[in-house]
Amino acid sequence: MGGGVAYHERTAYRRGALGGGFLDWNARPKVFKTYHGLPEVPLSWDIEGSSKPFFQVLFDPIPERTGHLDFKTLSRVLRLSYGITAQSGTGADAFYFRSVPSAGALYPCELYAAVQGVRELDDGLYHYDLARSRLVRLRSGSFLASKALPTAAFFITTMFFRSAWKYRDRAYRYCLLDAGHLVENALLVLRSEGFKACVYDRFNDAKLNAFLGVDTEREACVAVIGLPSKAWAGEAAEPLNSAREFSLMDELRSWDPVQPEACRLSPVDAVPHAILEAHRTTEGGAPLRGAGEKGAGEEAKDFVKEVRKIPRPEVLPEGLSFAECVWRRRSHRNYVSARVTKENWQTLWHSLRLDGALSSCVQVIIACGETDGLPPGVYAWNVVEEVAQEISGEDIRRSSARACLDQGWLKQALFHVIFHVFWTSVHERFGPRGYRSAMLDAGRLGQRVYLASTALGLGCCGIGAYYDEELRSLFHLGSGCDVVYLTASGPVKKLRS
């Protein structure tokens, strides 16, 4: 299949073959992207966000808005989607927590917005400067194809070297997973505000990156979130899906770069060839074929011992408010051996259904310890059919922790949520670009585990580093099927504030 799948195979970790390696602290990338001398617009400080319970936002129909997109709402959307939620340390040692997780806390993503007809904001393309909580105008004018006003599109890019500095060739995996975190967080924030959004990962790479003005040897767009015509609830709106390509109003227009030096993160920031090649070879797509949600457990069907019907609880846990949940999200490793209520784990499992999946090819397997109403074991979870297929009655969390680079803390996490992909299916339906789609979807699902866990008072931590073949074998996945992400969830000794 080549492309992303070949890249995935080449960057697999194998026990005894990781090598030493070290971090070049002199090449440490800048945490924030900065433009100089361009018009700036401070964002509104109203970040209260939705006070509705998180699971009401997640599961209920989108509430009807009483107004259109305005500057205050846009500010809130940006700051909740990708804002700084806390700070530890000062000066050069300062660390900034954000509303989404990131592999190694390296945060490769940048966020841009093109707006039209938003009160108190000139039409144009803006970079979201989250460090200073402001928008920097890169281009003036109307660029979106939608004729309905107001409207906006959000562009999510990845700056490859931020992750590659630590993770080298394997970093492209994490860039896509982190972009998926941000995509899902932004979609849910928009949902909490009453907007129906569309997510796209199909567009003309060269034209869109030129529009954003970035240096494509260092930064590239991987996803777009659009507010289509009549995107507010209560009016006829286009469905949230990826069946169309995103395009600008004038696809034939040429664009001058916008301070490409802003993409320089370090005096020594050359991106590994393997990453640039993986991104280039996943550019091509294929005609979209029936993208209905696929059942889970197909790769492990020969091992199924029992099938359990697991309906969503009729009464959902109240949990935290949506905005508070986003603001409190953290990564935890201090797990303790404890059970959770049946209502809570069923709600967590039912959170794993994407609105508008890009590929519908990411499947879920959950390894768990003993908890209320569920014996320990390994379950292929089909959220669409509300069915869990028991693959094994054995508690394999200790083995899973060993396969995840011997991270001992992981064996205490109650749930190991595994996202895996059968690459042949992806390639047949979506072509080479399907690799990006699947990895973005895995990141999106991971963000749902994070937020649902937070709302339930549980800890969560994403794991992208593991011995690929060991984890594949442990979960009985066949040839051509890979684990692409693992998230741990469960009770912790103390939640971080």
Protein backbone atom coordinates (compact mmCIF):
# COMPACT_ATOMS: atom_id res chain seq x y z
CA MET A 1 0.00 0.00 0.00
CA GLY A 2 2.95 2.34 0.53
CA GLY A 3 2.42 5.90 1.70
CA GLY A 4 1.33 6.31 5.29
CA VAL A 5 1.01 2.57 5.90
CA ALA A 6 4.62 1.99 4.84
CA TYR A 7 5.64 4.91 7.06
CA HIS A 8 3.71 3.38 9.96
CA GLU A 9 5.53 0.07 9.51
CA ARG A 10 8.96 1.74 9.24
CA THR A 11 8.42 3.69 12.46
CA ALA A 12 7.24 0.73 14.54
CA TYR A 13 9.02 0.33 17.88
CA ARG A 14 10.66 -3.03 18.58
CA ARG A 15 11.97 -4.21 21.90
CA GLY A 16 15.74 -3.93 22.05
CA ALA A 17 15.93 -1.81 18.90
CA LEU A 18 15.06 1.69 20.09
CA GLY A 19 18.65 2.84 20.48
CA GLY A 20 19.93 5.41 22.93
CA GLY A 21 19.22 8.84 21.53
CA PHE A 22 19.31 12.16 23.33
CA LEU A 23 17.61 15.52 23.20
CA ASP A 24 19.55 18.44 21.76
CA TRP A 25 18.47 21.16 24.15
CA ASN A 26 20.12 23.79 21.99
CA ALA A 27 17.65 22.89 19.26
CA ARG A 28 14.60 22.92 21.53
CA PRO A 29 11.70 24.33 19.47
CA LYS A 30 9.81 27.46 20.43
CA VAL A 31 6.52 26.75 22.17
CA PHE A 32 4.56 29.51 20.42
CA LYS A 33 4.49 30.80 16.86
CA THR A 34 4.90 34.56 16.58
CA TYR A 35 4.30 37.06 13.78
CA HIS A 36 5.71 40.59 13.90
CA GLY A 37 4.31 43.94 12.80
CA LEU A 38 0.89 42.69 11.68
CA PRO A 39 -2.51 44.00 12.87
CA GLU A 40 -3.64 42.42 16.14
CA VAL A 41 -7.04 42.05 17.76
CA PRO A 42 -7.22 41.13 21.48
CA LEU A 43 -9.80 38.44 22.17
CA SER A 44 -12.68 38.91 24.55
CA TRP A 45 -11.95 37.62 28.06
CA ASP A 46 -15.39 36.07 28.46
CA ILE A 47 -14.54 32.37 28.53
CA GLU A 48 -17.35 31.15 30.75
CA GLY A 49 -18.60 28.79 28.08
CA SER A 50 -21.50 26.39 28.37
CA SER A 51 -22.65 25.63 31.91
CA LYS A 52 -24.60 22.59 30.75
CA PRO A 53 -23.39 19.20 32.00
CA PHE A 54 -20.74 17.72 29.74
CA PHE A 55 -22.73 14.63 28.82
CA GLN A 56 -25.77 16.71 27.94
CA VAL A 57 -23.63 18.55 25.38
CA LEU A 58 -22.17 15.26 24.16
CA PHE A 59 -25.36 13.25 23.74
CA ASP A 60 -28.29 15.67 23.41
CA PRO A 61 -29.34 17.33 20.13
CA ILE A 62 -27.54 20.59 19.49
CA PRO A 63 -29.41 23.39 21.29
CA GLU A 64 -30.98 26.14 19.23
CA ARG A 65 -28.98 29.35 19.13
CA THR A 66 -30.64 32.70 19.67
CA GLY A 67 -28.02 34.59 17.66
CA HIS A 68 -25.33 34.26 15.03
CA LEU A 69 -21.56 34.08 15.36
CA ASP A 70 -20.18 37.26 16.93
CA PHE A 71 -16.75 38.29 18.14
CA LYS A 72 -17.41 37.40 21.77
CA THR A 73 -18.55 33.90 20.81
CA LEU A 74 -15.61 33.47 18.43
CA SER A 75 -13.23 34.45 21.24
CA ARG A 76 -14.78 31.88 23.53
CA VAL A 77 -14.62 29.17 20.87
CA LEU A 78 -10.93 29.77 20.23
CA ARG A 79 -9.91 29.97 23.87
CA LEU A 80 -11.83 26.87 24.91
CA SER A 81 -10.72 24.93 21.84
CA TYR A 82 -6.99 25.59 22.21
CA GLY A 83 -6.40 27.84 25.18
CA ILE A 84 -3.87 27.90 28.00
CA THR A 85 -5.61 26.45 31.04
CA ALA A 86 -2.86 26.68 33.66
CA GLN A 87 0.82 27.48 34.13
CA SER A 88 3.52 25.88 36.23
CA GLY A 89 6.94 27.40 36.73
CA THR A 90 8.17 30.75 35.46
CA GLY A 91 10.53 32.16 32.88
CA ALA A 92 12.36 29.68 30.67
CA ASP A 93 11.10 26.82 32.83
CA ALA A 94 7.43 27.78 32.50
CA PHE A 95 5.06 25.08 31.30
CA TYR A 96 1.67 25.94 29.88
CA PHE A 97 -1.17 23.43 30.16
CA ARG A 98 -3.66 23.56 27.31
CA SER A 99 -7.23 22.48 26.76
CA VAL A 100 -6.06 19.51 24.66
CA PRO A 101 -3.40 16.87 25.34
CA SER A 102 -0.23 16.45 23.33
CA ALA A 103 2.41 13.73 23.01
CA GLY A 104 5.30 14.78 25.21
CA ALA A 105 3.49 18.10 25.83
CA LEU A 106 5.13 19.41 22.65
CA TYR A 107 1.96 20.85 21.05
CA PRO A 108 2.78 20.81 17.32
CA CYS A 109 -0.57 22.32 16.25
CA GLU A 110 -1.40 25.88 15.27
CA LEU A 111 -4.89 27.27 14.74
CA TYR A 112 -6.02 29.80 12.13
CA ALA A 113 -9.44 31.27 11.38
CA ALA A 114 -10.95 32.85 8.26
CA VAL A 115 -14.03 34.91 9.12
CA GLN A 116 -16.68 36.81 7.17
CA GLY A 117 -19.42 39.03 8.49
CA VAL A 118 -18.52 38.67 12.19
CA ARG A 119 -19.43 41.80 14.09
CA GLU A 120 -16.48 43.72 15.58
CA LEU A 121 -13.97 41.88 13.40
CA ASP A 122 -12.81 42.72 9.88
CA ASP A 123 -13.14 39.97 7.29
CA GLY A 124 -9.88 38.13 6.80
CA LEU A 125 -7.53 35.31 7.68
CA TYR A 126 -6.16 35.31 11.23
CA HIS A 127 -3.62 33.36 13.23
CA TYR A 128 -4.71 32.55 16.78
CA ASP A 129 -1.89 33.69 19.06
CA LEU A 130 -2.86 31.72 22.15
CA ALA A 131 0.14 32.93 24.17
CA ARG A 132 -1.18 36.49 24.10
CA SER A 133 -4.84 35.60 23.56
CA ARG A 134 -5.25 37.60 20.38
CA LEU A 135 -5.78 37.26 16.65
CA VAL A 136 -3.11 38.35 14.19
CA ARG A 137 -4.49 39.33 10.79
CA LEU A 138 -2.54 37.68 7.97
CA ARG A 139 -4.79 38.64 5.05
CA SER A 140 -7.70 41.03 4.64
CA GLY A 141 -10.82 40.21 2.64
CA SER A 142 -13.45 37.52 2.10
CA PHE A 143 -12.08 34.13 1.11
CA LEU A 144 -14.73 31.58 2.02
CA ALA A 145 -17.08 30.13 -0.58
CA SER A 146 -20.14 30.39 1.68
CA LYS A 147 -22.52 33.25 0.82
CA ALA A 148 -24.31 33.06 4.17
CA LEU A 149 -23.04 35.51 6.79
CA PRO A 150 -21.60 35.42 9.34
CA THR A 151 -19.38 32.42 8.70
CA ALA A 152 -15.98 31.06 9.63
CA ALA A 153 -13.51 28.29 8.91
CA PHE A 154 -10.83 27.04 11.27
CA PHE A 155 -7.57 25.64 9.90
CA ILE A 156 -5.51 23.23 11.98
CA THR A 157 -1.87 22.90 11.02
CA THR A 158 1.00 20.92 12.45
CA MET A 159 4.55 22.20 12.87
CA PHE A 160 6.47 19.00 12.34
CA PHE A 161 9.67 19.84 14.20
CA ARG A 162 7.96 20.48 17.53
CA SER A 163 7.27 16.75 17.80
CA ALA A 164 10.21 15.56 15.70
CA TRP A 165 12.68 17.23 18.08
CA LYS A 166 11.93 14.46 20.59
CA TYR A 167 10.29 11.66 18.64
CA ARG A 168 12.20 11.90 15.35
CA ASP A 169 10.75 9.87 12.47
CA ARG A 170 7.80 8.55 14.52
CA ALA A 171 6.61 12.12 15.19
CA TYR A 172 4.24 12.30 12.21
CA ARG A 173 2.00 9.80 14.01
CA TYR A 174 1.82 12.13 17.00
CA CYS A 175 1.29 15.24 14.88
CA LEU A 176 -1.86 13.67 13.42
CA LEU A 177 -3.11 12.33 16.75
CA ASP A 178 -2.60 15.74 18.36
CA ALA A 179 -4.41 17.41 15.47
CA GLY A 180 -7.26 14.95 16.07
CA HIS A 181 -7.41 16.01 19.73
CA LEU A 182 -7.79 19.63 18.65
CA VAL A 183 -10.33 18.85 15.92
CA GLU A 184 -12.64 17.03 18.31
CA ASN A 185 -12.25 19.60 21.07
CA ALA A 186 -13.14 22.43 18.68
CA LEU A 187 -16.13 20.50 17.30
CA LEU A 188 -17.46 19.91 20.80
CA VAL A 189 -16.91 23.54 21.80
CA LEU A 190 -18.84 24.66 18.72
CA ARG A 191 -21.54 22.12 19.56
CA SER A 192 -21.82 23.54 23.08
CA GLU A 193 -22.37 26.96 21.49
CA GLY A 194 -25.15 25.63 19.27
CA PHE A 195 -23.24 25.42 15.98
CA LYS A 196 -23.29 22.53 13.54
CA ALA A 197 -19.84 22.29 12.01
CA CYS A 198 -18.28 20.25 9.21
CA VAL A 199 -14.83 18.72 9.48
CA TYR A 200 -12.72 18.22 6.36
CA ASP A 201 -9.42 16.51 5.78
CA ARG A 202 -9.74 16.63 1.99
CA PHE A 203 -8.50 19.75 0.25
CA ASN A 204 -5.83 20.85 -2.17
CA ASP A 205 -2.76 20.82 0.07
CA ALA A 206 -0.67 23.19 -2.01
CA LYS A 207 -3.39 25.80 -2.46
CA LEU A 208 -4.55 25.78 1.15
CA ASN A 209 -1.04 25.95 2.59
CA ALA A 210 -0.27 28.81 0.22
CA PHE A 211 -3.37 30.61 1.45
CA LEU A 212 -2.19 30.18 5.04
CA GLY A 213 1.21 31.52 3.98
CA VAL A 214 3.23 28.77 5.71
CA ASP A 215 6.59 27.20 4.90
CA THR A 216 5.49 23.71 3.89
CA GLU A 217 8.88 22.20 4.75
CA ARG A 218 8.02 22.99 8.36
CA GLU A 219 4.25 23.42 8.70
CA ALA A 220 1.18 22.10 6.88
CA CYS A 221 -2.59 22.06 7.23
CA VAL A 222 -4.09 18.69 8.13
CA ALA A 223 -7.74 19.55 8.89
CA VAL A 224 -10.38 22.24 8.40
CA ILE A 225 -13.50 22.89 10.45
CA GLY A 226 -16.14 24.90 8.64
CA LEU A 227 -19.35 26.55 9.72
CA PRO A 228 -21.45 25.93 6.61
CA SER A 229 -24.45 27.87 5.41
CA LYS A 230 -27.03 28.12 8.19
CA ALA A 231 -24.69 26.42 10.65
CA TRP A 232 -26.70 27.35 13.72
CA ALA A 233 -29.12 24.87 15.18
CA GLY A 234 -32.82 25.33 14.55
CA GLU A 235 -32.34 25.98 10.81
CA ALA A 236 -31.68 23.62 7.94
CA ALA A 237 -27.96 22.88 7.96
CA GLU A 238 -25.56 20.73 6.04
CA PRO A 239 -24.72 17.54 7.95
CA LEU A 240 -21.42 17.18 9.74
CA ASN A 241 -19.42 14.93 7.46
CA SER A 242 -16.32 14.73 5.31
CA ALA A 243 -17.95 13.70 2.03
CA ARG A 244 -16.87 16.88 0.26
CA GLU A 245 -13.58 18.65 -0.21
CA PHE A 246 -13.04 22.00 1.41
CA SER A 247 -12.29 24.77 -1.06
CA LEU A 248 -11.80 28.51 -0.94
CA MET A 249 -13.81 31.06 -2.89
CA ASP A 250 -11.06 31.56 -5.48
CA GLU A 251 -9.08 28.37 -5.95
CA LEU A 252 -7.10 29.84 -8.86
CA ARG A 253 -5.68 32.78 -6.94
CA SER A 254 -1.99 32.80 -6.06
CA TRP A 255 -0.81 33.87 -2.62
CA ASP A 256 2.33 35.49 -1.28
CA PRO A 257 3.92 33.87 1.77
CA VAL A 258 3.24 35.55 5.13
CA GLN A 259 6.43 35.84 7.15
CA PRO A 260 7.60 32.27 6.44
CA GLU A 261 10.38 32.86 8.94
CA ALA A 262 7.69 32.61 11.63
CA CYS A 263 7.71 28.86 10.91
CA ARG A 264 11.30 28.64 12.14
CA LEU A 265 11.18 27.12 15.61
CA SER A 266 14.85 26.59 16.26
CA PRO A 267 18.28 27.42 14.75
CA VAL A 268 18.43 23.73 13.84
CA ASP A 269 14.90 22.69 12.85
CA ALA A 270 15.25 20.46 9.80
CA VAL A 271 12.29 18.09 9.65
CA PRO A 272 13.24 14.41 9.11
CA HIS A 273 12.82 13.27 5.53
CA ALA A 274 10.61 10.37 6.66
CA ILE A 275 8.01 12.82 8.00
CA LEU A 276 7.95 15.08 4.95
CA GLU A 277 7.78 12.04 2.68
CA ALA A 278 4.92 10.53 4.70
CA HIS A 279 2.98 13.77 4.45
CA ARG A 280 3.58 14.09 0.71
CA THR A 281 2.68 10.48 -0.06
CA THR A 282 -0.60 10.74 1.85
CA GLU A 283 -1.78 13.70 -0.18
CA GLY A 284 -3.67 11.70 -2.79
CA GLY A 285 -7.19 10.50 -2.17
CA ALA A 286 -9.69 8.19 -3.77
CA PRO A 287 -13.40 8.57 -4.48
CA LEU A 288 -15.21 8.21 -1.18
CA ARG A 289 -17.11 4.97 -0.94
CA GLY A 290 -19.76 3.96 1.51
CA ALA A 291 -18.36 5.35 4.72
CA GLY A 292 -20.88 3.88 7.11
CA GLU A 293 -19.62 3.03 10.55
CA LYS A 294 -17.99 -0.35 10.62
CA GLY A 295 -18.53 -2.94 13.29
CA ALA A 296 -15.85 -3.51 15.90
CA GLY A 297 -14.13 -6.80 16.58
CA GLU A 298 -13.86 -8.04 12.99
CA GLU A 299 -10.15 -8.78 13.30
CA ALA A 300 -10.65 -10.71 16.55
CA LYS A 301 -13.95 -12.44 15.70
CA ASP A 302 -12.39 -15.91 15.92
CA PHE A 303 -11.63 -15.24 19.57
CA VAL A 304 -15.09 -14.03 20.65
CA LYS A 305 -16.34 -15.89 23.73
CA GLU A 306 -19.48 -13.94 24.62
CA VAL A 307 -21.51 -11.02 23.30
CA ARG A 308 -22.92 -8.48 25.76
CA LYS A 309 -25.54 -5.84 25.05
CA ILE A 310 -24.52 -2.61 26.79
CA PRO A 311 -27.14 0.13 26.42
CA ARG A 312 -26.42 3.73 27.29
CA PRO A 313 -27.70 4.57 30.79
CA GLU A 314 -31.12 6.17 30.75
CA VAL A 315 -30.00 8.64 33.41
CA LEU A 316 -26.58 10.08 32.62
CA PRO A 317 -24.13 11.06 35.33
CA GLU A 318 -24.33 14.80 35.88
CA GLY A 319 -20.57 15.28 36.11
CA LEU A 320 -18.87 18.61 35.43
CA SER A 321 -20.18 21.39 33.24
CA PHE A 322 -18.88 21.33 29.69
CA ALA A 323 -16.58 24.35 30.02
CA GLU A 324 -15.27 23.24 33.41
CA CYS A 325 -14.54 19.80 31.97
CA VAL A 326 -12.50 21.28 29.11
CA TRP A 327 -10.67 23.60 31.50
CA ARG A 328 -9.81 20.87 34.02
CA ARG A 329 -8.62 18.22 31.56
CA ARG A 330 -5.15 16.90 32.44
CA SER A 331 -3.06 13.77 31.82
CA HIS A 332 -2.80 11.45 34.83
CA ARG A 333 -0.54 8.52 35.69
CA ASN A 334 -1.32 8.09 39.37
CA TYR A 335 -3.89 5.32 38.95
CA VAL A 336 -5.21 3.28 41.85
CA SER A 337 -6.92 -0.10 41.92
CA ALA A 338 -10.60 0.73 42.33
CA ARG A 339 -13.96 0.02 40.71
CA VAL A 340 -16.33 2.47 39.05
CA THR A 341 -20.11 2.30 38.94
CA LYS A 342 -21.84 0.55 36.06
CA GLU A 343 -23.50 3.83 35.11
CA ASN A 344 -20.14 5.58 34.84
CA TRP A 345 -18.23 3.04 32.76
CA GLN A 346 -21.17 2.54 30.40
CA THR A 347 -21.35 6.32 29.89
CA LEU A 348 -17.61 6.40 29.23
CA TRP A 349 -17.86 3.64 26.63
CA HIS A 350 -20.81 5.31 24.92
CA SER A 351 -18.81 8.52 24.59
CA LEU A 352 -16.78 6.79 21.87
CA ARG A 353 -18.97 7.67 18.92
CA LEU A 354 -17.82 10.39 16.57
CA ASP A 355 -20.16 12.78 14.80
CA GLY A 356 -18.93 12.82 11.22
CA ALA A 357 -16.03 10.37 11.36
CA LEU A 358 -13.46 11.05 8.65
CA SER A 359 -12.81 7.38 7.95
CA SER A 360 -15.20 5.25 10.06
CA CYS A 361 -12.39 2.68 10.07
CA VAL A 362 -11.05 3.09 13.59
CA GLN A 363 -12.21 0.23 15.79
CA VAL A 364 -12.15 -0.03 19.58
CA ILE A 365 -10.99 -2.76 21.94
CA ILE A 366 -11.08 -2.23 25.72
CA ALA A 367 -9.02 -4.19 28.23
CA CYS A 368 -10.25 -3.75 31.77
CA GLY A 369 -9.97 -4.91 35.33
CA GLU A 370 -12.91 -5.91 37.46
CA THR A 371 -15.57 -3.26 37.94
CA ASP A 372 -19.28 -3.04 38.74
CA GLY A 373 -21.31 -5.21 36.37
CA LEU A 374 -18.35 -6.21 34.19
CA PRO A 375 -15.76 -8.95 34.78
CA PRO A 376 -12.13 -8.35 33.84
CA GLY A 377 -11.28 -9.14 30.25
CA VAL A 378 -10.82 -7.82 26.74
CA TYR A 379 -13.84 -6.52 24.82
CA ALA A 380 -14.29 -5.39 21.22
CA TRP A 381 -16.67 -2.46 21.61
CA ASN A 382 -19.18 -1.54 18.90
CA VAL A 383 -20.75 1.70 20.08
CA VAL A 384 -23.16 1.82 17.12
CA GLU A 385 -24.76 -1.52 17.94
CA GLU A 386 -24.15 -1.12 21.70
CA VAL A 387 -22.46 -4.52 21.75
CA ALA A 388 -19.28 -5.68 23.52
CA GLN A 389 -17.72 -8.88 22.22
CA GLU A 390 -15.67 -10.61 24.90
CA ILE A 391 -12.38 -11.67 23.31
CA SER A 392 -10.73 -12.86 26.51
CA GLY A 393 -11.70 -13.28 30.15
CA GLU A 394 -8.14 -12.56 31.22
CA ASP A 395 -6.95 -9.33 32.81
CA ILE A 396 -4.11 -8.40 30.44
CA ARG A 397 -3.41 -4.89 31.70
CA ARG A 398 0.00 -5.88 33.07
CA SER A 399 0.97 -7.31 29.67
CA SER A 400 -0.40 -4.22 27.96
CA ALA A 401 1.75 -2.01 30.21
CA ARG A 402 4.81 -4.08 29.30
CA ALA A 403 4.06 -3.63 25.60
CA CYS A 404 3.81 0.11 26.19
CA LEU A 405 7.55 0.46 26.80
CA ASP A 406 7.27 -1.13 30.26
CA GLN A 407 5.40 1.80 31.75
CA GLY A 408 4.51 0.18 35.07
CA TRP A 409 1.99 2.80 36.16
CA LEU A 410 -0.25 1.79 33.28
CA LYS A 411 -1.14 -1.62 34.75
CA GLN A 412 -3.20 0.12 37.46
CA ALA A 413 -5.43 2.00 35.02
CA LEU A 414 -8.86 0.35 35.04
CA PHE A 415 -9.42 0.70 31.28
CA HIS A 416 -6.96 0.40 28.41
CA VAL A 417 -8.86 1.74 25.40
CA ILE A 418 -7.21 0.55 22.18
CA PHE A 419 -7.85 2.18 18.80
CA HIS A 420 -6.84 0.03 15.86
CA VAL A 421 -7.13 0.19 12.07
CA PHE A 422 -7.26 -2.38 9.28
CA TRP A 423 -5.20 -0.60 6.63
CA THR A 424 -6.48 -2.48 3.59
CA SER A 425 -10.00 -1.23 4.27
CA VAL A 426 -8.74 2.33 4.71
CA HIS A 427 -6.73 2.28 1.50
CA GLU A 428 -9.50 0.72 -0.59
CA ARG A 429 -12.06 3.28 0.52
CA PHE A 430 -10.02 6.43 0.85
CA GLY A 431 -6.71 6.00 -0.97
CA PRO A 432 -3.37 7.13 0.50
CA ARG A 433 -4.98 10.10 2.25
CA GLY A 434 -6.97 7.66 4.35
CA TYR A 435 -3.91 7.26 6.57
CA ARG A 436 -4.33 10.86 7.73
CA SER A 437 -8.09 10.35 8.14
CA ALA A 438 -7.70 7.30 10.36
CA MET A 439 -5.02 8.88 12.56
CA LEU A 440 -7.07 12.06 12.96
CA ASP A 441 -10.11 9.99 13.95
CA ALA A 442 -8.05 8.08 16.51
CA GLY A 443 -6.96 11.38 18.04
CA ARG A 444 -10.56 12.58 18.06
CA LEU A 445 -11.66 9.46 19.91
CA GLY A 446 -8.80 9.90 22.34
CA GLN A 447 -10.00 13.41 23.14
CA ARG A 448 -13.43 12.01 23.92
CA VAL A 449 -11.89 9.55 26.38
CA TYR A 450 -10.03 12.44 28.02
CA LEU A 451 -13.07 14.67 28.38
CA ALA A 452 -15.52 11.94 29.39
CA SER A 453 -13.05 10.68 31.99
CA THR A 454 -12.61 14.19 33.34
CA ALA A 455 -16.37 14.69 33.56
CA LEU A 456 -16.68 11.44 35.53
CA GLY A 457 -13.89 12.31 37.96
CA LEU A 458 -11.50 9.77 36.41
CA GLY A 459 -7.96 10.20 35.17
CA CYS A 460 -6.86 9.69 31.57
CA CYS A 461 -3.58 9.49 29.70
CA GLY A 462 -2.88 8.92 26.01
CA ILE A 463 -0.14 6.48 24.97
CA GLY A 464 1.39 6.65 21.50
CA ALA A 465 4.68 4.92 22.35
CA TYR A 466 4.57 1.12 22.43
CA TYR A 467 6.13 -1.96 20.88
CA ASP A 468 3.84 -2.21 17.88
CA GLU A 469 4.08 -5.94 17.21
CA GLU A 470 3.74 -6.88 20.89
CA LEU A 471 0.57 -4.85 21.27
CA ARG A 472 -0.86 -6.18 18.01
CA SER A 473 -0.22 -9.76 19.10
CA LEU A 474 -1.58 -9.19 22.60
CA PHE A 475 -4.93 -8.03 21.21
CA HIS A 476 -5.09 -10.76 18.53
CA LEU A 477 -4.90 -8.34 15.60
CA GLY A 478 -4.04 -9.87 12.27
CA SER A 479 -1.62 -8.89 9.56
CA GLY A 480 -2.32 -5.46 8.09
CA CYS A 481 -4.03 -4.28 11.26
CA ASP A 482 -2.28 -1.89 13.65
CA VAL A 483 -2.89 -0.30 17.01
CA VAL A 484 -2.65 3.44 16.35
CA TYR A 485 -3.39 4.83 19.82
CA LEU A 486 -4.07 3.74 23.38
CA THR A 487 -5.75 5.76 26.10
CA ALA A 488 -5.80 4.78 29.77
CA SER A 489 -8.71 5.73 32.00
CA GLY A 490 -9.69 5.00 35.57
CA PRO A 491 -9.71 6.13 39.19
CA VAL A 492 -6.62 8.05 40.32
CA LYS A 493 -5.14 8.87 43.69
CA LYS A 494 -5.62 12.59 43.17
CA LEU A 495 -6.90 14.66 40.26
CA ARG A 496 -4.59 17.45 39.12
CA SER A 497 -6.04 20.94 39.18
